[in-house]
Protein backbone atom coordinates (compact mmCIF):
# COMPACT_ATOMS: atom_id res chain seq x y z
CA MET A 1 229.58 153.75 234.14
CA THR A 2 231.68 152.91 231.08
CA PRO A 3 233.88 155.55 229.42
CA ASN A 4 231.58 155.77 226.35
CA GLU A 5 228.33 155.88 228.32
CA ASN A 6 228.03 159.67 228.21
CA ALA A 7 229.80 160.20 224.90
CA PRO A 8 227.80 162.44 222.56
CA ALA A 9 226.25 161.07 219.40
CA ASN A 10 228.58 161.05 216.42
CA PRO A 11 226.64 161.95 213.24
CA LEU A 12 229.60 160.77 211.13
CA ARG A 13 228.87 157.26 212.48
CA GLY A 14 225.15 157.64 211.79
CA GLU A 15 224.35 158.32 215.44
CA ALA A 16 221.79 160.81 216.71
CA SER A 17 220.60 162.06 220.10
CA LEU A 18 217.16 161.83 221.62
CA LEU A 19 215.97 163.41 224.86
CA VAL A 20 214.10 160.74 226.85
CA ALA A 21 212.75 161.49 230.33
CA GLY A 22 215.12 164.43 230.73
CA GLU A 23 218.23 162.45 229.70
CA THR A 24 220.02 162.53 226.37
CA HIS A 25 220.26 159.09 224.80
CA ARG A 26 222.36 158.07 221.85
CA LEU A 27 220.65 156.38 218.90
CA ARG A 28 222.95 153.88 217.20
CA PRO A 29 221.64 152.19 214.07
CA SER A 30 223.67 149.00 214.48
CA PHE A 31 223.04 145.91 212.37
CA ALA A 32 221.27 144.18 215.27
CA ALA A 33 219.12 147.24 215.95
CA LEU A 34 218.10 147.62 212.32
CA VAL A 35 217.32 143.91 211.98
CA ALA A 36 215.10 144.11 215.07
CA ALA A 37 213.37 147.22 213.71
CA GLU A 38 212.87 145.53 210.36
CA GLU A 39 211.37 142.46 212.04
CA GLU A 40 208.79 144.68 213.73
CA LEU A 41 208.17 147.36 211.10
CA GLY A 42 208.82 145.61 207.81
CA PRO A 43 211.55 146.16 205.22
CA LEU A 44 213.86 149.09 205.86
CA TYR A 45 213.50 150.29 202.28
CA ALA A 46 209.72 150.56 202.79
CA ILE A 47 210.33 152.52 206.02
CA VAL A 48 212.56 154.93 204.12
CA GLU A 49 209.96 155.29 201.35
CA ARG A 50 207.15 155.95 203.86
CA ALA A 51 209.29 158.50 205.67
CA GLY A 52 210.13 160.26 202.40
CA ALA A 53 206.45 160.39 201.46
CA GLY A 54 205.43 161.66 204.89
CA HIS A 55 203.61 158.41 205.70
CA LEU A 56 205.71 157.17 208.61
CA ARG A 57 203.48 156.72 211.64
CA LEU A 58 204.21 158.03 215.11
CA ALA A 59 204.44 154.45 216.43
CA GLU A 60 206.95 153.60 213.69
CA VAL A 61 209.16 156.57 214.57
CA ALA A 62 209.10 155.61 218.25
CA ALA A 63 209.80 151.94 217.45
CA LEU A 64 212.75 152.78 215.21
CA PHE A 65 214.19 155.08 217.87
CA TRP A 66 213.68 152.47 220.59
CA HIS A 67 215.38 149.72 218.60
CA CYS A 68 218.31 152.05 217.86
CA LEU A 69 218.90 153.16 221.46
CA ASP A 70 222.47 152.57 222.53
CA PRO A 71 222.24 149.28 224.49
CA VAL A 72 224.65 150.67 227.10
CA ARG A 73 221.90 153.05 228.29
CA PRO A 74 218.50 151.65 227.33
CA ALA A 75 215.22 153.37 228.14
CA PRO A 76 211.76 151.84 228.51
CA ARG A 77 209.80 151.72 225.27
CA GLU A 78 206.95 153.77 226.73
CA ALA A 79 209.44 156.49 227.68
CA VAL A 80 210.69 156.67 224.09
CA GLY A 81 207.12 156.99 222.82
CA GLU A 82 206.43 159.73 225.36
CA ALA A 83 209.63 161.48 224.29
CA VAL A 84 208.50 161.46 220.65
CA VAL A 85 205.14 162.94 221.66
CA ALA A 86 206.80 165.53 223.93
CA LEU A 87 209.30 166.60 221.27
CA GLY A 88 206.77 166.57 218.45
CA LEU A 89 207.35 165.20 215.00
CA ALA A 90 209.11 168.36 213.80
CA ARG A 91 211.88 168.05 216.41
CA CYS A 92 212.07 164.28 215.86
CA ALA A 93 212.78 164.88 212.18
CA GLY A 94 216.48 165.58 212.84
CA PRO A 95 217.29 162.27 214.55
CA LEU A 96 215.04 160.45 212.09
CA ARG A 97 216.94 161.98 209.13
CA VAL A 98 220.25 160.85 210.65
CA LEU A 99 219.01 157.27 211.10
CA ILE A 100 217.46 157.10 207.64
CA GLY A 101 220.62 158.55 206.15
CA GLN A 102 222.62 155.83 207.85
CA ILE A 103 220.22 153.18 206.55
CA LEU A 104 220.63 154.50 203.00
CA ARG A 105 224.37 155.26 203.01
CA GLY A 106 225.69 152.65 205.39
CA SER A 107 228.79 153.10 207.47
CA ALA A 108 231.33 152.81 204.67
């Protein structure tokens, strides 16, 4: 276990937390994570627009979360999808807002 493995999410760095299979995981929207998400889901700006209009699909939320999982403690993709279903979209809105805010504002 590395010293940062259990560190809480830092919203000032654009990080959020997600409960997956009973464990709290940190979501980190790194450049590599966002590029991978964009490759799968399409342009990030379109993702932000769909989210703002309430048109982001459940699969898109789960995919964005999965791509942004801290690579130090990954979780299986199915587990992330199940976590989104278990939490419900209302409780997923918080982490989603943090990630979208990071996409829009950047880390500067």
